[in-house]
Protein backbone atom coordinates (compact mmCIF):
# COMPACT_ATOMS: atom_id res chain seq x y z
CA MET A 1 -0.02 0.11 0.08
CA TRP A 2 1.41 3.46 -1.16
CA LEU A 3 0.80 6.52 1.14
CA GLY A 4 1.60 9.93 0.62
CA PHE A 5 3.26 11.87 3.99
CA PRO A 6 2.16 15.78 4.47
CA SER A 7 5.56 17.23 3.64
CA HIS A 8 4.46 21.07 2.61
CA ALA A 9 4.02 23.57 5.55
CA ASP A 10 2.74 25.95 3.17
CA LEU A 11 -0.30 23.68 2.09
CA TRP A 12 -1.10 22.58 5.47
CA GLY A 13 -0.63 25.28 8.10
CA ASP A 14 -1.39 24.36 11.65
CA ASP A 15 -2.80 21.12 10.42
CA LEU A 16 0.54 19.84 9.44
CA GLU A 17 1.66 17.94 12.36
CA PRO A 18 -1.71 16.59 12.98
CA ALA A 19 -2.30 15.28 9.72
CA ARG A 20 1.40 13.46 9.69
CA ARG A 21 0.06 11.67 12.90
CA GLU A 22 -3.16 10.70 11.25
CA VAL A 23 -1.03 9.27 8.38
CA ALA A 24 1.21 7.36 10.95
CA ASP A 25 -1.59 5.98 12.54
CA LEU A 26 -2.86 4.76 9.28
CA ALA A 27 0.06 2.97 8.47
CA PHE A 28 0.18 1.18 11.81
CA ALA A 29 -2.91 0.07 11.38
CA LEU A 30 -2.25 -1.05 7.90
CA ALA A 31 0.97 -2.61 8.55
CA GLY A 32 -0.38 -4.35 11.83
CA PRO A 33 -3.97 -5.71 11.65
CA GLY A 34 -4.15 -4.70 7.95
CA ARG A 35 -1.24 -7.18 7.07
CA GLU A 36 0.14 -4.71 4.51
CA GLN A 37 3.61 -3.84 3.14
CA ILE A 38 3.30 -0.07 3.56
CA LYS A 39 5.45 2.35 1.26
CA VAL A 40 5.29 5.79 2.35
CA LEU A 41 6.30 8.82 -0.05
CA ALA A 42 7.81 12.12 1.48
CA CYS A 43 8.78 15.05 -0.29
CA GLY A 44 11.93 16.71 0.87
CA GLU A 45 14.73 15.50 3.71
CA ALA A 46 12.82 17.44 6.31
CA ALA A 47 9.63 15.47 5.83
CA GLU A 48 11.66 12.28 5.15
CA ARG A 49 13.06 12.69 8.61
CA GLU A 50 9.78 13.18 10.35
CA ALA A 51 8.41 10.34 8.67
CA LEU A 52 11.28 8.17 10.11
CA ARG A 53 10.72 9.53 13.43
CA LEU A 54 7.28 8.74 13.45
CA MET A 55 7.07 5.59 11.63
CA ALA A 56 10.47 3.70 11.84
CA ALA A 57 9.36 1.38 14.73
CA ALA A 58 7.44 -0.66 12.08
CA PRO A 59 9.41 -2.96 10.05
CA ALA A 60 6.62 -3.15 7.48
CA ILE A 61 6.69 0.63 6.84
CA ASP A 62 9.34 1.83 4.28
CA ILE A 63 9.97 5.69 4.08
CA LEU A 64 10.89 6.77 0.59
CA GLN A 65 11.33 10.08 -1.00
CA ALA A 66 9.44 11.60 -3.82
CA ARG A 67 8.62 14.51 -5.42
CA PHE A 68 4.81 15.80 -5.31
CA GLY A 69 3.01 18.63 -4.88
CA ASP A 70 0.71 17.23 -2.24
CA ILE A 71 -0.56 13.74 -0.74
CA TRP A 72 -3.30 12.49 -3.00
CA LEU A 73 -1.76 9.51 -4.40
CA ARG A 74 -5.32 8.19 -5.33
CA ASP A 75 -5.53 10.71 -7.96
CA THR A 76 -1.87 11.40 -9.08
CA GLY A 77 -0.64 8.16 -8.84
CA PRO A 78 -0.78 5.05 -11.22
CA VAL A 79 -3.72 2.38 -11.14
CA PHE A 80 -1.90 -0.94 -10.84
CA THR A 81 -3.45 -3.65 -12.82
CA GLU A 82 -0.93 -6.47 -12.09
CA ARG A 83 1.59 -6.60 -9.73
CA ASP A 84 4.38 -5.14 -12.36
CA GLU A 85 1.77 -3.38 -14.49
CA ALA A 86 0.24 0.14 -14.20
CA ALA A 87 -1.81 2.69 -16.11
CA GLY A 88 -1.08 6.21 -15.65
CA PHE A 89 -3.20 9.06 -16.68
CA ARG A 90 -2.89 12.98 -17.34
CA PHE A 91 -3.28 14.91 -14.08
CA ASN A 92 -4.80 18.71 -14.11
CA GLY A 93 -5.16 19.62 -10.59
CA TRP A 94 -8.79 18.37 -10.37
CA GLY A 95 -10.09 20.46 -13.38
CA GLY A 96 -7.30 23.28 -12.99
CA LYS A 97 -8.24 24.09 -9.48
CA TYR A 98 -4.78 22.98 -7.54
CA GLN A 99 -1.89 22.65 -9.96
CA LEU A 100 1.13 21.81 -7.70
CA GLU A 101 4.73 21.34 -8.99
CA GLY A 102 5.48 17.65 -9.06
CA ASP A 103 2.00 15.96 -8.61
CA ASP A 104 2.07 15.33 -12.75
CA ALA A 105 5.23 13.04 -11.97
CA VAL A 106 3.63 10.91 -9.24
CA ALA A 107 2.75 8.11 -11.49
CA ASP A 108 6.25 7.44 -13.20
CA GLN A 109 7.74 7.76 -9.79
CA ILE A 110 5.79 5.28 -8.03
CA ALA A 111 5.80 2.81 -11.10
CA ALA A 112 9.63 3.14 -10.89
CA LEU A 113 9.82 2.51 -7.62
CA ALA A 114 7.42 -0.46 -7.87
CA GLY A 115 9.37 -1.91 -10.79
CA ALA A 116 6.10 -1.91 -12.94
CA ARG A 117 5.84 -0.88 -16.45
CA LEU A 118 3.71 2.01 -16.79
CA ASP A 119 1.24 2.29 -19.70
CA GLN A 120 0.68 6.18 -20.16
CA HIS A 121 -2.52 7.13 -21.41
CA ASP A 122 -3.36 10.69 -22.67
CA PHE A 123 -6.50 11.77 -21.17
CA VAL A 124 -7.25 13.26 -17.91
CA LEU A 125 -8.36 10.67 -14.87
CA GLU A 126 -8.20 10.80 -11.26
CA GLY A 127 -8.30 7.27 -9.42
CA GLY A 128 -10.96 8.63 -6.83
CA ALA A 129 -13.35 9.16 -9.88
CA LEU A 130 -13.75 5.50 -10.16
CA ASP A 131 -14.65 2.51 -7.76
CA HIS A 132 -14.33 -1.08 -9.21
CA ASP A 133 -15.67 -4.53 -8.12
CA GLY A 134 -12.38 -6.35 -9.63
CA ALA A 135 -14.74 -8.13 -12.02
CA GLY A 136 -15.12 -5.62 -14.98
CA THR A 137 -17.77 -2.94 -13.47
CA ALA A 138 -16.90 0.36 -12.01
CA LEU A 139 -18.88 3.11 -10.66
CA THR A 140 -18.27 7.09 -11.40
CA THR A 141 -20.34 9.98 -11.14
CA ARG A 142 -21.20 12.30 -14.33
CA GLN A 143 -20.54 15.28 -12.15
CA CYS A 144 -16.64 14.36 -12.66
CA LEU A 145 -15.97 12.29 -15.53
CA LEU A 146 -18.31 14.20 -18.03
CA ASN A 147 -17.11 17.61 -16.49
CA PRO A 148 -15.73 20.06 -19.37
CA ASN A 149 -12.78 20.64 -17.03
CA ARG A 150 -11.24 17.19 -17.56
CA ASN A 151 -11.76 16.11 -20.96
CA PRO A 152 -13.72 18.85 -23.30
CA ALA A 153 -16.45 17.48 -25.51
CA TRP A 154 -16.13 13.88 -24.14
CA GLY A 155 -19.45 12.39 -23.42
CA ALA A 156 -20.33 9.25 -22.11
CA GLU A 157 -19.71 7.21 -24.69
CA HIS A 158 -16.18 8.08 -25.67
CA THR A 159 -15.38 8.13 -21.72
CA GLU A 160 -16.50 4.06 -21.80
CA ALA A 161 -14.70 3.37 -24.62
CA ALA A 162 -11.52 5.04 -23.14
CA LEU A 163 -11.77 3.20 -19.71
CA ARG A 164 -12.27 -0.15 -21.58
CA GLY A 165 -9.03 0.31 -23.51
CA ALA A 166 -6.93 1.55 -20.50
CA LEU A 167 -8.46 -0.67 -17.49
CA GLY A 168 -10.39 -3.42 -19.03
CA VAL A 169 -13.71 -2.05 -17.61
CA ARG A 170 -16.69 -3.97 -19.20
CA LYS A 171 -19.49 -1.81 -17.68
CA ILE A 172 -19.68 1.83 -16.27
CA LEU A 173 -22.24 2.72 -13.61
CA TRP A 174 -23.17 6.28 -14.19
CA LEU A 175 -24.32 8.30 -10.76
CA GLY A 176 -24.86 11.84 -10.88
CA ASP A 177 -23.74 14.62 -8.25
CA GLY A 178 -21.26 13.96 -5.56
CA LEU A 179 -20.69 15.76 -2.17
CA MET A 180 -21.17 19.21 -1.43
CA ASN A 181 -18.07 21.41 -1.73
CA ASP A 182 -16.15 18.28 -2.93
CA HIS A 183 -13.47 20.07 -5.02
CA THR A 184 -12.80 16.85 -6.93
CA ASP A 185 -16.16 17.66 -8.66
CA GLY A 186 -18.01 14.46 -6.76
CA HIS A 187 -15.52 11.79 -6.67
CA VAL A 188 -17.22 8.52 -6.38
CA ASP A 189 -15.03 7.29 -3.53
CA ASN A 190 -16.93 9.87 -1.30
CA LEU A 191 -20.36 8.50 -2.44
CA ALA A 192 -20.49 4.84 -3.42
CA ARG A 193 -18.12 1.93 -2.78
CA PHE A 194 -17.96 -1.81 -3.80
CA VAL A 195 -17.64 -3.96 -0.75
CA ALA A 196 -17.95 -7.07 -2.93
CA PRO A 197 -18.81 -8.11 -6.61
CA GLY A 198 -22.74 -7.04 -6.67
CA VAL A 199 -22.67 -5.28 -3.28
CA VAL A 200 -22.44 -1.52 -2.78
CA ALA A 201 -21.98 0.76 0.14
CA CYS A 202 -23.76 4.16 -0.18
CA PRO A 203 -24.30 6.56 2.73
CA VAL A 204 -27.74 7.59 4.61
CA ALA A 205 -28.20 10.63 6.08
CA PHE A 206 -26.97 11.12 9.78
CA GLY A 207 -28.93 13.93 11.29
CA THR A 208 -31.58 16.24 10.01
CA ASP A 209 -29.05 18.92 8.75
CA ASP A 210 -26.85 16.40 6.86
CA PRO A 211 -26.09 18.62 3.51
CA ASN A 212 -25.75 15.61 1.44
CA ALA A 213 -29.00 13.77 2.23
CA LEU A 214 -30.58 14.24 -1.19
CA ALA A 215 -27.29 13.08 -3.01
CA TYR A 216 -27.19 9.97 -1.01
CA ASP A 217 -30.55 9.06 -1.66
CA ARG A 218 -30.39 9.58 -5.30
CA ALA A 219 -27.44 7.45 -5.47
CA ALA A 220 -28.99 4.68 -3.51
CA GLU A 221 -32.22 4.92 -5.98
CA ALA A 222 -29.92 4.67 -8.95
CA LEU A 223 -27.90 1.81 -7.47
CA ALA A 224 -30.99 -0.42 -6.99
CA GLY A 225 -31.45 -0.35 -10.54
CA PHE A 226 -28.35 -1.11 -11.68
CA THR A 227 -26.72 -4.38 -13.04
CA ASP A 228 -23.28 -5.06 -13.12
CA ALA A 229 -21.06 -6.66 -16.00
CA GLU A 230 -22.20 -10.15 -15.06
CA GLY A 231 -25.84 -9.10 -15.24
CA ARG A 232 -26.39 -9.22 -11.44
CA ARG A 233 -28.84 -6.49 -9.89
CA LEU A 234 -26.73 -4.76 -7.01
CA ARG A 235 -27.57 -5.18 -3.59
CA VAL A 236 -27.33 -1.66 -1.88
CA VAL A 237 -26.27 -1.21 1.62
CA ARG A 238 -26.58 2.07 3.40
CA ILE A 239 -23.99 3.26 5.78
CA PRO A 240 -24.68 6.08 8.26
CA SER A 241 -22.87 9.21 7.05
CA PRO A 242 -20.76 11.28 9.35
CA GLY A 243 -23.62 13.90 9.20
CA CYS A 244 -22.93 17.64 8.75
CA VAL A 245 -19.38 18.32 9.34
CA ARG A 246 -18.05 22.01 9.40
CA SER A 247 -14.52 22.96 9.20
CA ARG A 248 -13.30 25.70 11.79
CA ASN A 249 -14.34 28.30 9.73
CA HIS A 250 -18.04 26.84 9.77
CA ASP A 251 -18.03 25.75 6.15
CA ILE A 252 -19.63 22.32 5.13
CA VAL A 253 -16.88 20.06 4.27
CA PRO A 254 -17.10 16.79 2.30
CA ALA A 255 -16.63 14.37 5.18
CA SER A 256 -17.46 10.42 4.12
CA HIS A 257 -17.18 7.10 5.84
CA MET A 258 -17.30 6.05 2.07
CA ASN A 259 -13.61 7.04 2.05
CA PHE A 260 -12.63 3.51 3.79
CA LEU A 261 -9.46 1.63 2.89
CA ILE A 262 -9.57 -1.91 2.24
CA ALA A 263 -6.74 -3.76 3.38
CA ASN A 264 -5.68 -7.69 3.65
CA GLY A 265 -6.85 -7.94 7.10
CA ALA A 266 -8.68 -4.73 8.06
CA VAL A 267 -10.90 -1.96 6.90
CA VAL A 268 -9.60 1.40 8.10
CA LEU A 269 -12.64 3.82 8.56
CA PRO A 270 -12.10 7.75 8.92
CA VAL A 271 -14.41 9.00 11.61
CA TYR A 272 -15.43 12.64 12.74
CA ASP A 273 -18.33 12.14 15.00
CA GLN A 274 -18.26 9.51 17.49
CA ARG A 275 -22.33 8.65 17.51
CA ALA A 276 -22.11 8.49 13.52
CA SER A 277 -18.86 6.52 13.74
CA ARG A 278 -20.08 3.84 15.91
CA LEU A 279 -23.01 2.93 13.57
CA ALA A 280 -20.78 3.09 10.66
CA VAL A 281 -18.48 0.44 12.22
CA GLU A 282 -21.47 -1.83 12.91
CA ALA A 283 -22.59 -1.56 9.20
CA LEU A 284 -19.12 -2.42 8.00
CA GLU A 285 -18.78 -5.45 10.11
CA GLY A 286 -21.54 -6.90 8.67
CA LEU A 287 -19.85 -6.23 5.21
CA PHE A 288 -16.36 -7.47 6.00
CA PRO A 289 -16.76 -10.53 8.19
CA GLY A 290 -13.08 -11.78 7.59
CA ARG A 291 -11.45 -8.03 8.22
CA ILE A 292 -11.12 -6.02 11.44
CA ILE A 293 -12.86 -2.61 11.15
CA ILE A 294 -10.57 0.19 12.34
CA PRO A 295 -12.00 3.59 12.93
CA LEU A 296 -9.54 6.31 12.99
CA GLU A 297 -9.85 10.17 13.37
CA SER A 298 -9.41 11.99 9.91
CA ARG A 299 -10.18 15.48 10.85
CA ALA A 300 -6.67 17.09 9.64
CA LEU A 301 -6.66 15.10 6.67
CA LEU A 302 -9.91 16.42 5.71
CA THR A 303 -8.50 20.10 5.77
CA GLY A 304 -6.95 19.50 2.66
CA GLY A 305 -9.89 17.93 1.09
CA GLY A 306 -9.81 14.22 1.43
CA SER A 307 -8.92 11.19 3.52
CA PHE A 308 -7.57 7.71 3.77
CA HIS A 309 -8.53 6.29 0.48
CA CYS A 310 -7.53 9.70 -1.29
CA ILE A 311 -3.90 9.06 0.27
CA SER A 312 -3.28 5.97 -0.85
CA GLN A 313 -2.83 3.62 -3.73
CA GLN A 314 -2.82 -0.55 -3.77
CA GLN A 315 -0.50 -2.48 -5.63
CA PRO A 316 -1.23 -6.24 -6.03
CA ALA A 317 1.12 -8.77 -3.97
């Protein structure tokens, strides 16, 4: 499992140290109960030293230097298709919003460090915009993949053909809009996730002030009408959302329990509200009977716009 380590004080400000501790907690959870080998990328010698200080105690965690603008490896890194093969895509800062030096070189660096052959594709795609069932079906949102700030003039048919060629996707299931104030333009990894072939988790609003209640219900309704690449009708499981989560400035932020990270022996769940997180843990325990559900605080990472799934990229063993 590849992880990004917060390395730029100018981006993270007061949240730099808390975000680093959250990444370290994630790495320890993945290396322990998660039964993963962890590769943590740090940008610069100072960040590398701090990552070593926080995580050197775990032999399953390797700290490596790399160049990147920020830690969102799900979107800037490659998508591994085999142990030694990966697909790379153009990255344009989520439609030109945040274009940072080094982010467009992350896929090449990870592929080189992994010893993987990188098949580079000349269209814009972020890994968090897709969720796969491992058997040819992928979820996405129209808000993101059909947004003119990614691949102008592309429609659904052109997009589906590109994904078939690059990733072997046999069927795309299109949802509408993602979460409020999500700078990714509605990445699906905050909205709906496959937990097994034919089974999709989707939030249900927690509290009467949940700003994404309508988006959740619309996604669940659409999912219930879909069939996957094998012709199976999807089973939709509703997971309590974190509810209305606000920043220190009282802005609504895109907190989501859907940004969980599936490891070999565990599922790590980002949490923000203790009442909602208890319900989410219980729901996920029923969906992952062979894995431990580990809830971890993710408020500092959320100030950068994402959580555990966003800062990671898995590589087949």
